[in-house]
PDB file of N, CA and C in Angstrom:
ATOM      1  N   MET A   1       6.443  10.749  17.428  1.00  0.00           N
ATOM      2  CA  MET A   1       7.029   9.577  16.921  1.00  0.00           C
ATOM      3  C   MET A   1       7.042   8.529  18.118  1.00  0.00           C
ATOM      4  N   ARG A   2       6.626   7.275  17.667  1.00  0.00           N
ATOM      5  CA  ARG A   2       6.555   6.178  18.684  1.00  0.00           C
ATOM      6  C   ARG A   2       7.876   5.367  18.671  1.00  0.00           C
ATOM      7  N   ASP A   3       8.494   5.326  19.729  1.00  0.00           N
ATOM      8  CA  ASP A   3       9.825   4.603  19.857  1.00  0.00           C
ATOM      9  C   ASP A   3       9.610   3.086  19.974  1.00  0.00           C
ATOM     10  N   ASP A   4       8.399   2.591  20.267  1.00  0.00           N
ATOM     11  CA  ASP A   4       8.203   1.169  20.449  1.00  0.00           C
ATOM     12  C   ASP A   4       7.631   0.376  19.285  1.00  0.00           C
ATOM     13  N   LEU A   5       7.732   1.043  18.131  1.00  0.00           N
ATOM     14  CA  LEU A   5       7.319   0.363  16.893  1.00  0.00           C
ATOM     15  C   LEU A   5       8.421  -0.248  16.194  1.00  0.00           C
ATOM     16  N   LEU A   6       8.187  -1.502  15.672  1.00  0.00           N
ATOM     17  CA  LEU A   6       9.227  -2.235  14.924  1.00  0.00           C
ATOM     18  C   LEU A   6       8.710  -2.307  13.458  1.00  0.00           C
ATOM     19  N   THR A   7       9.551  -2.106  12.523  1.00  0.00           N
ATOM     20  CA  THR A   7       9.188  -2.240  11.082  1.00  0.00           C
ATOM     21  C   THR A   7       9.702  -3.534  10.500  1.00  0.00           C
ATOM     22  N   ILE A   8       8.872  -4.272   9.862  1.00  0.00           N
ATOM     23  CA  ILE A   8       9.354  -5.566   9.211  1.00  0.00           C
ATOM     24  C   ILE A   8       8.814  -5.402   7.773  1.00  0.00           C
ATOM     25  N   VAL A   9       9.714  -5.657   6.785  1.00  0.00           N
ATOM     26  CA  VAL A   9       9.191  -5.803   5.437  1.00  0.00           C
ATOM     27  C   VAL A   9       9.352  -7.154   4.951  1.00  0.00           C
ATOM     28  N   ILE A  10       8.231  -7.748   4.434  1.00  0.00           N
ATOM     29  CA  ILE A  10       8.213  -9.120   3.966  1.00  0.00           C
ATOM     30  C   ILE A  10       7.864  -9.166   2.504  1.00  0.00           C
ATOM     31  N   PRO A  11       8.942  -9.109   1.673  1.00  0.00           N
ATOM     32  CA  PRO A  11       8.766  -9.195   0.199  1.00  0.00           C
ATOM     33  C   PRO A  11       8.457 -10.588  -0.145  1.00  0.00           C
ATOM     34  N   THR A  12       7.361 -10.824  -0.897  1.00  0.00           N
ATOM     35  CA  THR A  12       6.905 -12.181  -1.318  1.00  0.00           C
ATOM     36  C   THR A  12       6.362 -12.102  -2.660  1.00  0.00           C
ATOM     37  N   ARG A  13       6.735 -12.976  -3.506  1.00  0.00           N
ATOM     38  CA  ARG A  13       6.151 -13.055  -4.800  1.00  0.00           C
ATOM     39  C   ARG A  13       5.584 -14.497  -5.100  1.00  0.00           C
ATOM     40  N   ASP A  14       4.368 -14.595  -5.452  1.00  0.00           N
ATOM     41  CA  ASP A  14       3.699 -15.907  -5.766  1.00  0.00           C
ATOM     42  C   ASP A  14       3.892 -16.897  -4.636  1.00  0.00           C
ATOM     43  N   ARG A  15       3.909 -16.353  -3.287  1.00  0.00           N
ATOM     44  CA  ARG A  15       3.968 -17.288  -2.186  1.00  0.00           C
ATOM     45  C   ARG A  15       3.011 -16.815  -1.099  1.00  0.00           C
ATOM     46  N   PRO A  16       1.725 -17.103  -1.397  1.00  0.00           N
ATOM     47  CA  PRO A  16       0.679 -16.797  -0.442  1.00  0.00           C
ATOM     48  C   PRO A  16       0.722 -17.572   0.888  1.00  0.00           C
ATOM     49  N   ASP A  17       1.454 -18.725   0.848  1.00  0.00           N
ATOM     50  CA  ASP A  17       1.642 -19.488   1.965  1.00  0.00           C
ATOM     51  C   ASP A  17       2.604 -18.829   2.943  1.00  0.00           C
ATOM     52  N   LEU A  18       3.699 -18.207   2.374  1.00  0.00           N
ATOM     53  CA  LEU A  18       4.632 -17.502   3.183  1.00  0.00           C
ATOM     54  C   LEU A  18       3.985 -16.247   3.731  1.00  0.00           C
ATOM     55  N   LEU A  19       3.224 -15.524   2.984  1.00  0.00           N
ATOM     56  CA  LEU A  19       2.579 -14.390   3.518  1.00  0.00           C
ATOM     57  C   LEU A  19       1.583 -14.638   4.703  1.00  0.00           C
ATOM     58  N   ALA A  20       0.926 -15.793   4.430  1.00  0.00           N
ATOM     59  CA  ALA A  20      -0.130 -16.193   5.544  1.00  0.00           C
ATOM     60  C   ALA A  20       0.684 -16.537   6.755  1.00  0.00           C
ATOM     61  N   LEU A  21       1.802 -17.230   6.738  1.00  0.00           N
ATOM     62  CA  LEU A  21       2.580 -17.635   7.874  1.00  0.00           C
ATOM     63  C   LEU A  21       3.054 -16.330   8.615  1.00  0.00           C
ATOM     64  N   CYS A  22       3.592 -15.360   7.836  1.00  0.00           N
ATOM     65  CA  CYS A  22       4.056 -14.086   8.409  1.00  0.00           C
ATOM     66  C   CYS A  22       2.928 -13.343   9.120  1.00  0.00           C
ATOM     67  N   LEU A  23       1.783 -13.313   8.458  1.00  0.00           N
ATOM     68  CA  LEU A  23       0.647 -12.534   9.076  1.00  0.00           C
ATOM     69  C   LEU A  23       0.225 -13.230  10.413  1.00  0.00           C
ATOM     70  N   ARG A  24       0.153 -14.554  10.305  1.00  0.00           N
ATOM     71  CA  ARG A  24      -0.230 -15.300  11.570  1.00  0.00           C
ATOM     72  C   ARG A  24       0.708 -14.940  12.676  1.00  0.00           C
ATOM     73  N   SER A  25       2.037 -14.917  12.402  1.00  0.00           N
ATOM     74  CA  SER A  25       2.875 -14.646  13.530  1.00  0.00           C
ATOM     75  C   SER A  25       2.711 -13.149  14.001  1.00  0.00           C
ATOM     76  N   VAL A  26       2.297 -12.255  13.129  1.00  0.00           N
ATOM     77  CA  VAL A  26       2.048 -10.903  13.657  1.00  0.00           C
ATOM     78  C   VAL A  26       0.825 -10.828  14.565  1.00  0.00           C
ATOM     79  N   PHE A  27      -0.286 -11.492  14.186  1.00  0.00           N
ATOM     80  CA  PHE A  27      -1.418 -11.469  14.880  1.00  0.00           C
ATOM     81  C   PHE A  27      -1.320 -12.346  16.173  1.00  0.00           C
ATOM     82  N   GLU A  28      -0.424 -13.350  16.268  1.00  0.00           N
ATOM     83  CA  GLU A  28      -0.294 -14.193  17.470  1.00  0.00           C
ATOM     84  C   GLU A  28       0.659 -13.524  18.403  1.00  0.00           C
ATOM     85  N   ASP A  29       1.373 -12.473  18.001  1.00  0.00           N
ATOM     86  CA  ASP A  29       2.303 -11.813  18.870  1.00  0.00           C
ATOM     87  C   ASP A  29       1.528 -11.215  20.073  1.00  0.00           C
ATOM     88  N   GLN A  30       2.110 -11.370  21.233  1.00  0.00           N
ATOM     89  CA  GLN A  30       1.519 -10.802  22.492  1.00  0.00           C
ATOM     90  C   GLN A  30       2.061  -9.445  22.886  1.00  0.00           C
ATOM     91  N   SER A  31       2.517  -8.774  21.922  1.00  0.00           N
ATOM     92  CA  SER A  31       3.044  -7.419  22.204  1.00  0.00           C
ATOM     93  C   SER A  31       1.972  -6.494  22.586  1.00  0.00           C
ATOM     94  N   SER A  32       2.273  -5.579  23.428  1.00  0.00           N
ATOM     95  CA  SER A  32       1.245  -4.595  23.910  1.00  0.00           C
ATOM     96  C   SER A  32       1.081  -3.421  22.939  1.00  0.00           C
ATOM     97  N   VAL A  33       1.891  -3.480  21.825  1.00  0.00           N
ATOM     98  CA  VAL A  33       1.840  -2.482  20.743  1.00  0.00           C
ATOM     99  C   VAL A  33       1.222  -3.047  19.537  1.00  0.00           C
ATOM    100  N   PRO A  34      -0.068  -2.483  19.209  1.00  0.00           N
ATOM    101  CA  PRO A  34      -0.738  -2.956  17.936  1.00  0.00           C
ATOM    102  C   PRO A  34       0.228  -2.769  16.712  1.00  0.00           C
ATOM    103  N   PRO A  35       0.214  -3.717  15.740  1.00  0.00           N
ATOM    104  CA  PRO A  35       1.056  -3.503  14.586  1.00  0.00           C
ATOM    105  C   PRO A  35       0.491  -2.598  13.620  1.00  0.00           C
ATOM    106  N   VAL A  36       1.435  -1.954  12.893  1.00  0.00           N
ATOM    107  CA  VAL A  36       1.038  -1.272  11.619  1.00  0.00           C
ATOM    108  C   VAL A  36       1.249  -2.390  10.553  1.00  0.00           C
ATOM    109  N   ILE A  37       0.212  -2.563   9.753  1.00  0.00           N
ATOM    110  CA  ILE A  37       0.192  -3.633   8.701  1.00  0.00           C
ATOM    111  C   ILE A  37      -0.167  -2.989   7.348  1.00  0.00           C
ATOM    112  N   VAL A  38       0.799  -3.153   6.381  1.00  0.00           N
ATOM    113  CA  VAL A  38       0.462  -2.703   5.096  1.00  0.00           C
ATOM    114  C   VAL A  38       0.791  -3.882   4.112  1.00  0.00           C
ATOM    115  N   ILE A  39      -0.182  -4.272   3.396  1.00  0.00           N
ATOM    116  CA  ILE A  39      -0.147  -5.341   2.313  1.00  0.00           C
ATOM    117  C   ILE A  39      -0.479  -4.783   1.022  1.00  0.00           C
ATOM    118  N   GLU A  40       0.494  -4.769   0.181  1.00  0.00           N
ATOM    119  CA  GLU A  40       0.288  -4.228  -1.247  1.00  0.00           C
ATOM    120  C   GLU A  40       0.688  -5.330  -2.216  1.00  0.00           C
ATOM    121  N   GLY A  41      -0.264  -5.440  -3.230  1.00  0.00           N
ATOM    122  CA  GLY A  41       0.007  -6.361  -4.353  1.00  0.00           C
ATOM    123  C   GLY A  41      -0.141  -5.668  -5.600  1.00  0.00           C
ATOM    124  N   ASP A  42       0.855  -5.743  -6.500  1.00  0.00           N
ATOM    125  CA  ASP A  42       0.762  -5.087  -7.777  1.00  0.00           C
ATOM    126  C   ASP A  42       0.082  -5.947  -8.762  1.00  0.00           C
ATOM    127  N   HIS A  43      -0.107  -5.410  -9.968  1.00  0.00           N
ATOM    128  CA  HIS A  43      -0.880  -5.982 -10.931  1.00  0.00           C
ATOM    129  C   HIS A  43      -0.034  -6.929 -11.775  1.00  0.00           C
ATOM    130  N   GLY A  44       1.234  -7.043 -11.706  1.00  0.00           N
ATOM    131  CA  GLY A  44       1.948  -7.917 -12.692  1.00  0.00           C
ATOM    132  C   GLY A  44       1.993  -7.185 -14.047  1.00  0.00           C
ATOM    133  N   TRP A  45       2.727  -7.857 -14.942  1.00  0.00           N
ATOM    134  CA  TRP A  45       2.734  -7.350 -16.362  1.00  0.00           C
ATOM    135  C   TRP A  45       1.758  -8.239 -17.156  1.00  0.00           C
ATOM    136  N   ALA A  46       0.764  -7.599 -17.730  1.00  0.00           N
ATOM    137  CA  ALA A  46      -0.221  -8.212 -18.527  1.00  0.00           C
ATOM    138  C   ALA A  46      -0.822  -7.311 -19.502  1.00  0.00           C
ATOM    139  N   ASP A  47      -1.332  -7.883 -20.512  1.00  0.00           N
ATOM    140  CA  ASP A  47      -2.009  -7.029 -21.608  1.00  0.00           C
ATOM    141  C   ASP A  47      -3.447  -6.790 -21.271  1.00  0.00           C
ATOM    142  N   ARG A  48      -3.652  -5.739 -20.544  1.00  0.00           N
ATOM    143  CA  ARG A  48      -5.051  -5.305 -20.146  1.00  0.00           C
ATOM    144  C   ARG A  48      -5.093  -3.849 -20.345  1.00  0.00           C
ATOM    145  N   ASN A  49      -6.362  -3.304 -20.156  1.00  0.00           N
ATOM    146  CA  ASN A  49      -6.501  -1.845 -20.317  1.00  0.00           C
ATOM    147  C   ASN A  49      -5.826  -1.188 -19.102  1.00  0.00           C
ATOM    148  N   PRO A  50      -5.365   0.106 -19.353  1.00  0.00           N
ATOM    149  CA  PRO A  50      -4.540   0.777 -18.362  1.00  0.00           C
ATOM    150  C   PRO A  50      -5.239   0.793 -16.930  1.00  0.00           C
ATOM    151  N   GLU A  51      -6.443   1.213 -16.900  1.00  0.00           N
ATOM    152  CA  GLU A  51      -7.130   1.285 -15.533  1.00  0.00           C
ATOM    153  C   GLU A  51      -7.204  -0.074 -14.811  1.00  0.00           C
ATOM    154  N   ASP A  52      -7.558  -1.120 -15.564  1.00  0.00           N
ATOM    155  CA  ASP A  52      -7.616  -2.420 -14.907  1.00  0.00           C
ATOM    156  C   ASP A  52      -6.194  -2.959 -14.532  1.00  0.00           C
ATOM    157  N   LYS A  53      -5.187  -2.672 -15.364  1.00  0.00           N
ATOM    158  CA  LYS A  53      -3.810  -3.025 -15.075  1.00  0.00           C
ATOM    159  C   LYS A  53      -3.266  -2.388 -13.887  1.00  0.00           C
ATOM    160  N   LEU A  54      -3.649  -1.087 -13.572  1.00  0.00           N
ATOM    161  CA  LEU A  54      -3.103  -0.341 -12.506  1.00  0.00           C
ATOM    162  C   LEU A  54      -4.000  -0.398 -11.188  1.00  0.00           C
ATOM    163  N   SER A  55      -4.961  -1.313 -11.166  1.00  0.00           N
ATOM    164  CA  SER A  55      -5.769  -1.352  -9.934  1.00  0.00           C
ATOM    165  C   SER A  55      -5.033  -2.370  -9.054  1.00  0.00           C
ATOM    166  N   ASN A  56      -4.284  -1.772  -8.068  1.00  0.00           N
ATOM    167  CA  ASN A  56      -3.540  -2.665  -7.136  1.00  0.00           C
ATOM    168  C   ASN A  56      -4.313  -2.965  -5.821  1.00  0.00           C
ATOM    169  N   PHE A  57      -3.875  -4.143  -5.177  1.00  0.00           N
ATOM    170  CA  PHE A  57      -4.473  -4.453  -3.971  1.00  0.00           C
ATOM    171  C   PHE A  57      -3.644  -3.624  -2.838  1.00  0.00           C
ATOM    172  N   ASN A  58      -4.406  -3.096  -1.969  1.00  0.00           N
ATOM    173  CA  ASN A  58      -3.844  -2.268  -0.884  1.00  0.00           C
ATOM    174  C   ASN A  58      -4.560  -2.399   0.432  1.00  0.00           C
ATOM    175  N   ALA A  59      -4.102  -3.241   1.367  1.00  0.00           N
ATOM    176  CA  ALA A  59      -4.766  -3.485   2.619  1.00  0.00           C
ATOM    177  C   ALA A  59      -3.917  -2.927   3.742  1.00  0.00           C
ATOM    178  N   ILE A  60      -4.572  -1.983   4.499  1.00  0.00           N
ATOM    179  CA  ILE A  60      -3.785  -1.258   5.532  1.00  0.00           C
ATOM    180  C   ILE A  60      -4.456  -1.327   6.891  1.00  0.00           C
ATOM    181  N   HIS A  61      -3.745  -1.613   7.908  1.00  0.00           N
ATOM    182  CA  HIS A  61      -4.205  -1.572   9.318  1.00  0.00           C
ATOM    183  C   HIS A  61      -3.380  -0.495  10.030  1.00  0.00           C
ATOM    184  N   LEU A  62      -3.868   0.535  10.483  1.00  0.00           N
ATOM    185  CA  LEU A  62      -3.199   1.514  11.184  1.00  0.00           C
ATOM    186  C   LEU A  62      -3.723   1.769  12.587  1.00  0.00           C
ATOM    187  N   PRO A  63      -3.032   1.428  13.639  1.00  0.00           N
ATOM    188  CA  PRO A  63      -3.559   1.693  15.095  1.00  0.00           C
ATOM    189  C   PRO A  63      -3.407   3.099  15.554  1.00  0.00           C
ATOM    190  N   PHE A  64      -3.848   3.336  16.670  1.00  0.00           N
ATOM    191  CA  PHE A  64      -3.653   4.705  17.259  1.00  0.00           C
ATOM    192  C   PHE A  64      -4.222   5.801  16.490  1.00  0.00           C
ATOM    193  N   GLY A  65      -5.313   5.576  15.799  1.00  0.00           N
ATOM    194  CA  GLY A  65      -6.121   6.666  15.004  1.00  0.00           C
ATOM    195  C   GLY A  65      -5.518   6.935  13.585  1.00  0.00           C
ATOM    196  N   GLY A  66      -4.478   6.211  13.217  1.00  0.00           N
ATOM    197  CA  GLY A  66      -3.923   6.448  11.893  1.00  0.00           C
ATOM    198  C   GLY A  66      -4.947   6.183  10.699  1.00  0.00           C
ATOM    199  N   LYS A  67      -5.948   5.406  11.032  1.00  0.00           N
ATOM    200  CA  LYS A  67      -6.969   5.072  10.013  1.00  0.00           C
ATOM    201  C   LYS A  67      -7.664   6.332   9.457  1.00  0.00           C
ATOM    202  N   ALA A  68      -7.760   7.336  10.301  1.00  0.00           N
ATOM    203  CA  ALA A  68      -8.371   8.562   9.955  1.00  0.00           C
ATOM    204  C   ALA A  68      -7.700   9.233   8.758  1.00  0.00           C
ATOM    205  N   ARG A  69      -6.424   8.917   8.515  1.00  0.00           N
ATOM    206  CA  ARG A  69      -5.652   9.528   7.432  1.00  0.00           C
ATOM    207  C   ARG A  69      -5.815   8.855   6.091  1.00  0.00           C
ATOM    208  N   LEU A  70      -6.582   7.695   6.095  1.00  0.00           N
ATOM    209  CA  LEU A  70      -6.802   6.937   4.873  1.00  0.00           C
ATOM    210  C   LEU A  70      -8.017   7.471   4.145  1.00  0.00           C
ATOM    211  N   TYR A  71      -8.046   7.351   2.822  1.00  0.00           N
ATOM    212  CA  TYR A  71      -9.134   7.789   2.075  1.00  0.00           C
ATOM    213  C   TYR A  71      -9.465   6.834   0.961  1.00  0.00           C
ATOM    214  N   PRO A  72     -10.654   6.709   0.346  1.00  0.00           N
ATOM    215  CA  PRO A  72     -11.032   5.694  -0.626  1.00  0.00           C
ATOM    216  C   PRO A  72     -10.264   5.632  -1.883  1.00  0.00           C
ATOM    217  N   THR A  73      -9.658   6.795  -2.347  1.00  0.00           N
ATOM    218  CA  THR A  73      -8.966   6.793  -3.574  1.00  0.00           C
ATOM    219  C   THR A  73      -7.463   6.730  -3.444  1.00  0.00           C
ATOM    220  N   LEU A  74      -7.039   6.317  -2.178  1.00  0.00           N
ATOM    221  CA  LEU A  74      -5.545   6.272  -1.921  1.00  0.00           C
ATOM    222  C   LEU A  74      -4.897   5.267  -2.748  1.00  0.00           C
ATOM    223  N   THR A  75      -3.758   5.673  -3.383  1.00  0.00           N
ATOM    224  CA  THR A  75      -2.963   4.807  -4.218  1.00  0.00           C
ATOM    225  C   THR A  75      -1.623   4.499  -3.472  1.00  0.00           C
ATOM    226  N   PRO A  76      -0.879   3.515  -3.948  1.00  0.00           N
ATOM    227  CA  PRO A  76       0.322   3.193  -3.281  1.00  0.00           C
ATOM    228  C   PRO A  76       1.454   4.283  -3.118  1.00  0.00           C
ATOM    229  N   VAL A  77       1.272   5.202  -4.003  1.00  0.00           N
ATOM    230  CA  VAL A  77       2.268   6.418  -3.971  1.00  0.00           C
ATOM    231  C   VAL A  77       2.218   7.132  -2.672  1.00  0.00           C
ATOM    232  N   ASN A  78       1.080   7.040  -1.913  1.00  0.00           N
ATOM    233  CA  ASN A  78       0.894   7.821  -0.815  1.00  0.00           C
ATOM    234  C   ASN A  78       0.818   6.921   0.473  1.00  0.00           C
ATOM    235  N   THR A  79       0.745   5.641   0.367  1.00  0.00           N
ATOM    236  CA  THR A  79       0.572   4.755   1.547  1.00  0.00           C
ATOM    237  C   THR A  79       1.698   4.979   2.469  1.00  0.00           C
ATOM    238  N   PHE A  80       2.932   4.928   2.081  1.00  0.00           N
ATOM    239  CA  PHE A  80       4.058   4.972   3.050  1.00  0.00           C
ATOM    240  C   PHE A  80       4.383   6.403   3.444  1.00  0.00           C
ATOM    241  N   ARG A  81       3.911   7.376   2.688  1.00  0.00           N
ATOM    242  CA  ARG A  81       3.982   8.786   3.134  1.00  0.00           C
ATOM    243  C   ARG A  81       3.122   8.943   4.364  1.00  0.00           C
ATOM    244  N   ILE A  82       1.904   8.408   4.355  1.00  0.00           N
ATOM    245  CA  ILE A  82       1.046   8.457   5.529  1.00  0.00           C
ATOM    246  C   ILE A  82       1.604   7.708   6.725  1.00  0.00           C
ATOM    247  N   VAL A  83       2.145   6.433   6.442  1.00  0.00           N
ATOM    248  CA  VAL A  83       2.685   5.681   7.563  1.00  0.00           C
ATOM    249  C   VAL A  83       3.837   6.412   8.148  1.00  0.00           C
ATOM    250  N   LEU A  84       4.763   6.925   7.337  1.00  0.00           N
ATOM    251  CA  LEU A  84       5.951   7.514   7.871  1.00  0.00           C
ATOM    252  C   LEU A  84       5.601   8.822   8.622  1.00  0.00           C
ATOM    253  N   ASP A  85       4.688   9.593   8.145  1.00  0.00           N
ATOM    254  CA  ASP A  85       4.240  10.830   8.834  1.00  0.00           C
ATOM    255  C   ASP A  85       3.602  10.518  10.163  1.00  0.00           C
ATOM    256  N   GLU A  86       2.735   9.536  10.145  1.00  0.00           N
ATOM    257  CA  GLU A  86       1.919   9.267  11.326  1.00  0.00           C
ATOM    258  C   GLU A  86       2.620   8.515  12.406  1.00  0.00           C
ATOM    259  N   TYR A  87       3.582   7.662  12.053  1.00  0.00           N
ATOM    260  CA  TYR A  87       4.218   6.862  13.054  1.00  0.00           C
ATOM    261  C   TYR A  87       5.682   7.032  13.338  1.00  0.00           C
ATOM    262  N   PHE A  88       6.300   7.769  12.312  1.00  0.00           N
ATOM    263  CA  PHE A  88       7.823   7.930  12.421  1.00  0.00           C
ATOM    264  C   PHE A  88       8.323   9.331  12.346  1.00  0.00           C
ATOM    265  N   GLY A  89       7.345  10.298  12.490  1.00  0.00           N
ATOM    266  CA  GLY A  89       7.763  11.693  12.448  1.00  0.00           C
ATOM    267  C   GLY A  89       8.155  12.337  11.203  1.00  0.00           C
ATOM    268  N   GLY A  90       7.634  11.653  10.046  1.00  0.00           N
ATOM    269  CA  GLY A  90       8.004  12.160   8.778  1.00  0.00           C
ATOM    270  C   GLY A  90       7.184  13.452   8.453  1.00  0.00           C
ATOM    271  N   ASP A  91       7.574  14.052   7.372  1.00  0.00           N
ATOM    272  CA  ASP A  91       6.892  15.210   6.900  1.00  0.00           C
ATOM    273  C   ASP A  91       6.796  15.208   5.413  1.00  0.00           C
ATOM    274  N   PHE A  92       6.045  14.179   4.851  1.00  0.00           N
ATOM    275  CA  PHE A  92       6.006  13.990   3.447  1.00  0.00           C
ATOM    276  C   PHE A  92       4.625  14.463   2.902  1.00  0.00           C
ATOM    277  N   PRO A  93       4.596  15.497   2.059  1.00  0.00           N
ATOM    278  CA  PRO A  93       3.186  15.860   1.494  1.00  0.00           C
ATOM    279  C   PRO A  93       2.781  14.749   0.648  1.00  0.00           C
ATOM    280  N   LEU A  94       1.436  14.612   0.555  1.00  0.00           N
ATOM    281  CA  LEU A  94       0.806  13.729  -0.353  1.00  0.00           C
ATOM    282  C   LEU A  94       0.962  14.175  -1.720  1.00  0.00           C
ATOM    283  N   LEU A  95       1.146  13.175  -2.656  1.00  0.00           N
ATOM    284  CA  LEU A  95       1.282  13.363  -4.050  1.00  0.00           C
ATOM    285  C   LEU A  95      -0.064  13.146  -4.704  1.00  0.00           C
ATOM    286  N   GLU A  96      -0.236  13.526  -5.900  1.00  0.00           N
ATOM    287  CA  GLU A  96      -1.465  13.320  -6.626  1.00  0.00           C
ATOM    288  C   GLU A  96      -1.616  11.809  -6.893  1.00  0.00           C
ATOM    289  N   ASP A  97      -2.801  11.321  -6.696  1.00  0.00           N
ATOM    290  CA  ASP A  97      -3.066   9.939  -6.861  1.00  0.00           C
ATOM    291  C   ASP A  97      -3.345   9.571  -8.300  1.00  0.00           C
ATOM    292  N   VAL A  98      -2.253   9.546  -9.126  1.00  0.00           N
ATOM    293  CA  VAL A  98      -2.375   9.157 -10.440  1.00  0.00           C
ATOM    294  C   VAL A  98      -1.372   8.094 -10.684  1.00  0.00           C
ATOM    295  N   SER A  99      -1.492   7.337 -11.814  1.00  0.00           N
ATOM    296  CA  SER A  99      -0.481   6.415 -12.223  1.00  0.00           C
ATOM    297  C   SER A  99       0.016   6.711 -13.619  1.00  0.00           C
ATOM    298  N   TYR A 100       1.016   6.068 -13.902  1.00  0.00           N
ATOM    299  CA  TYR A 100       1.629   6.247 -15.326  1.00  0.00           C
ATOM    300  C   TYR A 100       1.714   4.907 -15.989  1.00  0.00           C
ATOM    301  N   TYR A 101       1.232   4.906 -17.210  1.00  0.00           N
ATOM    302  CA  TYR A 101       1.084   3.512 -17.916  1.00  0.00           C
ATOM    303  C   TYR A 101       1.933   3.581 -19.179  1.00  0.00           C
ATOM    304  N   SER A 102       2.601   2.437 -19.511  1.00  0.00           N
ATOM    305  CA  SER A 102       3.189   2.285 -20.766  1.00  0.00           C
ATOM    306  C   SER A 102       2.938   0.863 -21.192  1.00  0.00           C
ATOM    307  N   THR A 103       3.000   0.674 -22.545  1.00  0.00           N
ATOM    308  CA  THR A 103       2.848  -0.730 -23.069  1.00  0.00           C
ATOM    309  C   THR A 103       4.286  -1.331 -23.188  1.00  0.00           C
ATOM    310  N   GLU A 104       4.285  -2.662 -23.300  1.00  0.00           N
ATOM    311  CA  GLU A 104       5.597  -3.357 -23.414  1.00  0.00           C
ATOM    312  C   GLU A 104       6.321  -2.836 -24.575  1.00  0.00           C
ATOM    313  N   GLY A 105       5.695  -2.536 -25.679  1.00  0.00           N
ATOM    314  CA  GLY A 105       6.306  -2.095 -26.908  1.00  0.00           C
ATOM    315  C   GLY A 105       6.889  -0.720 -26.777  1.00  0.00           C
ATOM    316  N   ASP A 106       6.259   0.225 -25.957  1.00  0.00           N
ATOM    317  CA  ASP A 106       6.723   1.613 -25.723  1.00  0.00           C
ATOM    318  C   ASP A 106       6.993   1.819 -24.322  1.00  0.00           C
ATOM    319  N   MET A 107       7.907   1.078 -23.764  1.00  0.00           N
ATOM    320  CA  MET A 107       8.024   1.200 -22.261  1.00  0.00           C
ATOM    321  C   MET A 107       8.321   2.571 -21.688  1.00  0.00           C
ATOM    322  N   PHE A 108       8.800   3.496 -22.398  1.00  0.00           N
ATOM    323  CA  PHE A 108       9.247   4.744 -21.836  1.00  0.00           C
ATOM    324  C   PHE A 108       8.247   5.842 -22.381  1.00  0.00           C
ATOM    325  N   GLN A 109       7.147   5.529 -23.023  1.00  0.00           N
ATOM    326  CA  GLN A 109       6.151   6.452 -23.523  1.00  0.00           C
ATOM    327  C   GLN A 109       4.928   6.325 -22.565  1.00  0.00           C
ATOM    328  N   PHE A 110       5.096   7.119 -21.448  1.00  0.00           N
ATOM    329  CA  PHE A 110       4.109   7.071 -20.366  1.00  0.00           C
ATOM    330  C   PHE A 110       2.792   7.902 -20.666  1.00  0.00           C
ATOM    331  N   THR A 111       1.650   7.333 -20.272  1.00  0.00           N
ATOM    332  CA  THR A 111       0.351   8.064 -20.323  1.00  0.00           C
ATOM    333  C   THR A 111      -0.079   8.107 -18.868  1.00  0.00           C
ATOM    334  N   VAL A 112      -0.592   9.316 -18.508  1.00  0.00           N
ATOM    335  CA  VAL A 112      -1.120   9.529 -17.200  1.00  0.00           C
ATOM    336  C   VAL A 112      -2.451   8.912 -17.132  1.00  0.00           C
ATOM    337  N   VAL A 113      -2.756   8.081 -16.089  1.00  0.00           N
ATOM    338  CA  VAL A 113      -4.026   7.400 -15.790  1.00  0.00           C
ATOM    339  C   VAL A 113      -4.581   7.862 -14.562  1.00  0.00           C
ATOM    340  N   PRO A 114      -5.622   8.751 -14.519  1.00  0.00           N
ATOM    341  CA  PRO A 114      -6.117   9.252 -13.307  1.00  0.00           C
ATOM    342  C   PRO A 114      -6.764   8.145 -12.477  1.00  0.00           C
ATOM    343  N   ASN A 115      -6.691   8.351 -11.166  1.00  0.00           N
ATOM    344  CA  ASN A 115      -7.319   7.458 -10.435  1.00  0.00           C
ATOM    345  C   ASN A 115      -8.931   7.650 -10.306  1.00  0.00           C
ATOM    346  N   THR A 116      -9.602   6.675 -10.956  1.00  0.00           N
ATOM    347  CA  THR A 116     -11.085   6.750 -10.970  1.00  0.00           C
ATOM    348  C   THR A 116     -11.713   5.797 -10.023  1.00  0.00           C
ATOM    349  N   TRP A 117     -10.954   5.088  -9.242  1.00  0.00           N
ATOM    350  CA  TRP A 117     -11.452   4.126  -8.346  1.00  0.00           C
ATOM    351  C   TRP A 117     -12.497   4.815  -7.414  1.00  0.00           C
ATOM    352  N   THR A 118     -13.658   4.161  -7.293  1.00  0.00           N
ATOM    353  CA  THR A 118     -14.680   4.704  -6.459  1.00  0.00           C
ATOM    354  C   THR A 118     -15.068   3.723  -5.363  1.00  0.00           C
ATOM    355  N   ALA A 119     -14.244   3.038  -4.839  1.00  0.00           N
ATOM    356  CA  ALA A 119     -14.529   2.000  -3.708  1.00  0.00           C
ATOM    357  C   ALA A 119     -15.075   2.753  -2.537  1.00  0.00           C
ATOM    358  N   ARG A 120     -15.866   2.101  -1.785  1.00  0.00           N
ATOM    359  CA  ARG A 120     -16.450   2.625  -0.501  1.00  0.00           C
ATOM    360  C   ARG A 120     -15.351   2.510   0.561  1.00  0.00           C
ATOM    361  N   ALA A 121     -15.289   3.473   1.362  1.00  0.00           N
ATOM    362  CA  ALA A 121     -14.341   3.386   2.516  1.00  0.00           C
ATOM    363  C   ALA A 121     -14.834   2.250   3.410  1.00  0.00           C
ATOM    364  N   PRO A 122     -13.884   1.498   4.069  1.00  0.00           N
ATOM    365  CA  PRO A 122     -14.348   0.413   4.953  1.00  0.00           C
ATOM    366  C   PRO A 122     -14.904   0.953   6.240  1.00  0.00           C
TER     367      PRO A 122
END
């Protein structure tokens, strides 16, 4: 576990200007410790097919070799499990990368949507 890491959570909704300001401050910081950066954006509520609706934005920067733990089909359910394990001494097993979908009319009738995302690793 690294004692010199600081965690900051910046919740923002419909405020790309605020997010940009916060990210600039992170990158302009002269700290000797590289930052752990996780940016996640969800899909919002919309009438689309389940796979499209559940394709979230997930941008991650992990220093000190943490990038090796990432994989192309990673979903947000495992993002912070990896971060907590890698940097804060956690011991969280990875969960299956699936999502659960329901429609507005049947909010509690969930359908499992397997992760079929086939993006290339960066």
